C-alpha atoms as a PDB file:
ATOM      1  CA  GLN A   1     -27.187   9.380  17.203  1.00  0.00           C
ATOM      2  CA  VAL A   2     -23.643   8.049  17.984  1.00  0.00           C
ATOM      3  CA  GLN A   3     -20.136   9.409  16.010  1.00  0.00           C
ATOM      4  CA  LEU A   4     -18.220   6.053  16.542  1.00  0.00           C
ATOM      5  CA  VAL A   5     -14.631   7.081  16.852  1.00  0.00           C
ATOM      6  CA  GLU A   6     -11.777   3.262  15.593  1.00  0.00           C
ATOM      7  CA  SER A   7      -8.813   2.885  16.046  1.00  0.00           C
ATOM      8  CA  GLY A   8      -5.305   0.646  17.088  1.00  0.00           C
ATOM      9  CA  GLY A   9      -4.805  -0.166  13.489  1.00  0.00           C
ATOM     10  CA  GLY A  10      -1.014  -0.397  11.599  1.00  0.00           C
ATOM     11  CA  LEU A  11       0.898  -2.634   9.707  1.00  0.00           C
ATOM     12  CA  VAL A  12       2.045  -5.256  11.061  1.00  0.00           C
ATOM     13  CA  GLN A  13       3.747  -8.664   9.707  1.00  0.00           C
ATOM     14  CA  PRO A  14       2.526 -11.682   9.144  1.00  0.00           C
ATOM     15  CA  GLY A  15       1.296 -13.675  12.062  1.00  0.00           C
ATOM     16  CA  GLY A  16       1.323 -11.179  14.252  1.00  0.00           C
ATOM     17  CA  SER A  17      -1.555  -9.022  15.901  1.00  0.00           C
ATOM     18  CA  LEU A  18      -3.575  -6.141  16.927  1.00  0.00           C
ATOM     19  CA  ARG A  19      -6.142  -4.639  19.063  1.00  0.00           C
ATOM     20  CA  LEU A  20      -9.074  -2.603  17.042  1.00  0.00           C
ATOM     21  CA  SER A  21     -10.872  -0.762  19.806  1.00  0.00           C
ATOM     22  CA  CYS A  22     -14.301   1.481  18.927  1.00  0.00           C
ATOM     23  CA  ALA A  23     -15.153   4.230  21.016  1.00  0.00           C
ATOM     24  CA  ALA A  24     -18.611   5.542  21.528  1.00  0.00           C
ATOM     25  CA  SER A  25     -20.343   8.921  21.549  1.00  0.00           C
ATOM     26  CA  LYS A  26     -23.114   7.635  23.644  1.00  0.00           C
ATOM     27  CA  SER A  27     -24.316   4.518  25.895  1.00  0.00           C
ATOM     28  CA  ILE A  28     -24.325   1.849  23.216  1.00  0.00           C
ATOM     29  CA  PHE A  29     -25.614  -1.009  26.525  1.00  0.00           C
ATOM     30  CA  SER A  30     -28.695  -2.764  25.525  1.00  0.00           C
ATOM     31  CA  GLU A  31     -30.360  -0.684  22.172  1.00  0.00           C
ATOM     32  CA  TYR A  32     -26.924  -1.449  20.343  1.00  0.00           C
ATOM     33  CA  ASP A  33     -25.843  -4.839  18.227  1.00  0.00           C
ATOM     34  CA  LEU A  34     -21.731  -3.920  16.775  1.00  0.00           C
ATOM     35  CA  ALA A  35     -19.638  -5.048  14.629  1.00  0.00           C
ATOM     36  CA  TRP A  36     -16.652  -4.631  12.302  1.00  0.00           C
ATOM     37  CA  TYR A  37     -16.598  -4.443   8.993  1.00  0.00           C
ATOM     38  CA  ARG A  38     -13.906  -4.653   6.533  1.00  0.00           C
ATOM     39  CA  GLN A  39     -12.942  -2.851   3.139  1.00  0.00           C
ATOM     40  CA  ALA A  40      -9.952  -4.457   0.661  1.00  0.00           C
ATOM     41  CA  PRO A  41      -9.098  -2.765  -2.629  1.00  0.00           C
ATOM     42  CA  GLY A  42     -11.390  -3.144  -4.930  1.00  0.00           C
ATOM     43  CA  LYS A  43     -13.965  -5.362  -2.984  1.00  0.00           C
ATOM     44  CA  GLN A  44     -16.891  -4.789  -1.164  1.00  0.00           C
ATOM     45  CA  ARG A  45     -17.536  -4.855   2.651  1.00  0.00           C
ATOM     46  CA  GLU A  46     -17.252  -7.602   4.839  1.00  0.00           C
ATOM     47  CA  LEU A  47     -18.671  -8.653   7.949  1.00  0.00           C
ATOM     48  CA  VAL A  48     -15.391  -9.748   9.990  1.00  0.00           C
ATOM     49  CA  ALA A  49     -17.489 -10.136  13.238  1.00  0.00           C
ATOM     50  CA  GLY A  50     -20.378  -9.441  15.291  1.00  0.00           C
ATOM     51  CA  ILE A  51     -21.829  -9.325  19.033  1.00  0.00           C
ATOM     52  CA  THR A  52     -24.528  -8.948  20.141  1.00  0.00           C
ATOM     53  CA  SER A  53     -25.744  -6.201  22.937  1.00  0.00           C
ATOM     54  CA  GLY A  54     -26.860 -10.126  24.853  1.00  0.00           C
ATOM     55  CA  GLY A  55     -22.812 -10.900  24.015  1.00  0.00           C
ATOM     56  CA  ARG A  56     -23.435 -13.316  21.025  1.00  0.00           C
ATOM     57  CA  THR A  57     -20.938 -13.746  18.729  1.00  0.00           C
ATOM     58  CA  ASN A  58     -20.401 -14.571  14.853  1.00  0.00           C
ATOM     59  CA  TYR A  59     -17.393 -14.490  12.366  1.00  0.00           C
ATOM     60  CA  ALA A  60     -16.783 -14.265   9.240  1.00  0.00           C
ATOM     61  CA  ASP A  61     -15.357 -17.757   8.548  1.00  0.00           C
ATOM     62  CA  SER A  62     -11.746 -16.840   7.239  1.00  0.00           C
ATOM     63  CA  VAL A  63     -11.259 -15.521  10.985  1.00  0.00           C
ATOM     64  CA  LYS A  64     -12.700 -17.795  13.101  1.00  0.00           C
ATOM     65  CA  GLY A  65     -10.366 -18.701  15.439  1.00  0.00           C
ATOM     66  CA  ARG A  66      -7.892 -15.915  14.746  1.00  0.00           C
ATOM     67  CA  PHE A  67      -9.713 -12.956  15.681  1.00  0.00           C
ATOM     68  CA  THR A  68     -11.850 -12.107  18.610  1.00  0.00           C
ATOM     69  CA  ILE A  69     -15.024  -9.412  19.377  1.00  0.00           C
ATOM     70  CA  SER A  70     -16.000  -8.251  22.838  1.00  0.00           C
ATOM     71  CA  ARG A  71     -17.792  -5.273  24.045  1.00  0.00           C
ATOM     72  CA  ASP A  72     -17.134  -3.274  27.433  1.00  0.00           C
ATOM     73  CA  ASN A  73     -19.975  -0.978  27.622  1.00  0.00           C
ATOM     74  CA  ALA A  74     -19.714   0.359  31.046  1.00  0.00           C
ATOM     75  CA  LYS A  75     -16.725   2.192  28.272  1.00  0.00           C
ATOM     76  CA  ASN A  76     -19.076   2.057  25.252  1.00  0.00           C
ATOM     77  CA  MET A  77     -16.433   0.651  23.730  1.00  0.00           C
ATOM     78  CA  VAL A  78     -16.146  -2.300  21.783  1.00  0.00           C
ATOM     79  CA  PHE A  79     -12.775  -3.863  20.437  1.00  0.00           C
ATOM     80  CA  LEU A  80     -11.245  -6.513  17.986  1.00  0.00           C
ATOM     81  CA  GLN A  81      -8.208  -9.040  19.163  1.00  0.00           C
ATOM     82  CA  MET A  82      -6.570  -9.896  15.244  1.00  0.00           C
ATOM     83  CA  ASN A  83      -4.272 -12.473  15.901  1.00  0.00           C
ATOM     84  CA  SER A  84      -2.161 -14.863  13.183  1.00  0.00           C
ATOM     85  CA  LEU A  85      -2.852 -12.189  11.018  1.00  0.00           C
ATOM     86  CA  LYS A  86      -2.027 -12.898   7.676  1.00  0.00           C
ATOM     87  CA  PRO A  87      -1.587 -10.720   4.247  1.00  0.00           C
ATOM     88  CA  GLU A  88      -5.580 -10.949   2.933  1.00  0.00           C
ATOM     89  CA  ASP A  89      -6.789  -9.583   6.092  1.00  0.00           C
ATOM     90  CA  THR A  90      -4.950  -6.180   5.149  1.00  0.00           C
ATOM     91  CA  ALA A  91      -8.032  -3.393   4.994  1.00  0.00           C
ATOM     92  CA  VAL A  92      -9.551  -0.917   6.830  1.00  0.00           C
ATOM     93  CA  TYR A  93     -11.524  -1.703   9.126  1.00  0.00           C
ATOM     94  CA  TYR A  94     -14.469   0.185  10.183  1.00  0.00           C
ATOM     95  CA  CYS A  95     -17.081  -0.435  13.094  1.00  0.00           C
ATOM     96  CA  ASN A  96     -20.875  -0.773  13.208  1.00  0.00           C
ATOM     97  CA  ALA A  97     -23.242   0.038  15.830  1.00  0.00           C
ATOM     98  CA  LYS A  98     -26.643  -1.292  14.519  1.00  0.00           C
ATOM     99  CA  TYR A  99     -29.406   0.359  16.515  1.00  0.00           C
ATOM    100  CA  VAL A 100     -31.862  -2.353  16.948  1.00  0.00           C
ATOM    101  CA  VAL A 101     -34.816  -1.183  18.999  1.00  0.00           C
ATOM    102  CA  VAL A 102     -36.526   0.606  15.514  1.00  0.00           C
ATOM    103  CA  PHE A 103     -37.258  -1.109  12.276  1.00  0.00           C
ATOM    104  CA  PRO A 104     -35.835  -1.031  10.043  1.00  0.00           C
ATOM    105  CA  PRO A 105     -32.469  -0.958  11.905  1.00  0.00           C
ATOM    106  CA  THR A 106     -30.472   2.354  12.027  1.00  0.00           C
ATOM    107  CA  ASN A 107     -26.602   1.440  11.233  1.00  0.00           C
ATOM    108  CA  TYR A 108     -23.964   3.939  12.399  1.00  0.00           C
ATOM    109  CA  TRP A 109     -20.367   3.580  10.821  1.00  0.00           C
ATOM    110  CA  GLY A 110     -16.875   4.661  11.994  1.00  0.00           C
ATOM    111  CA  GLN A 111     -14.863   6.488   9.189  1.00  0.00           C
ATOM    112  CA  GLY A 112     -12.606   3.154   9.022  1.00  0.00           C
ATOM    113  CA  THR A 113      -8.955   1.930  10.735  1.00  0.00           C
ATOM    114  CA  GLN A 114      -5.834   0.600   7.999  1.00  0.00           C
ATOM    115  CA  VAL A 115      -5.069  -2.572   9.176  1.00  0.00           C
ATOM    116  CA  THR A 116      -2.004  -3.486   6.814  1.00  0.00           C
ATOM    117  CA  VAL A 117      -0.160  -6.752   7.262  1.00  0.00           C
ATOM    118  CA  SER A 118       2.923  -7.081   4.853  1.00  0.00           C
ATOM    119  CA  SER A 119       6.542  -8.388   5.434  1.00  0.00           C
END
């Protein structure tokens, strides 16, 4: 079992930047793939960016070139650097940890952090 706590959300103007952080309650070194998802009002939760235990990353087309996911295994943390933010990035952002040692993998979620992009 792992608990995830997100931070760093808030209100930002279009074109601005935010850095989201997610702290895990236990070691996430080699057994967890990590990701950020988001859910806007009236929409389904969608994958924003993911990073495997080996450091391989993937991004939604809508954020490529603007967002960067990274992880610090020593500190049990994952980050999402968001640049050139757009109003359509407004959503609740959720940290996800997928325990990939078992099949099917077990997913753990944070409580979410609100990101609002508005002038």
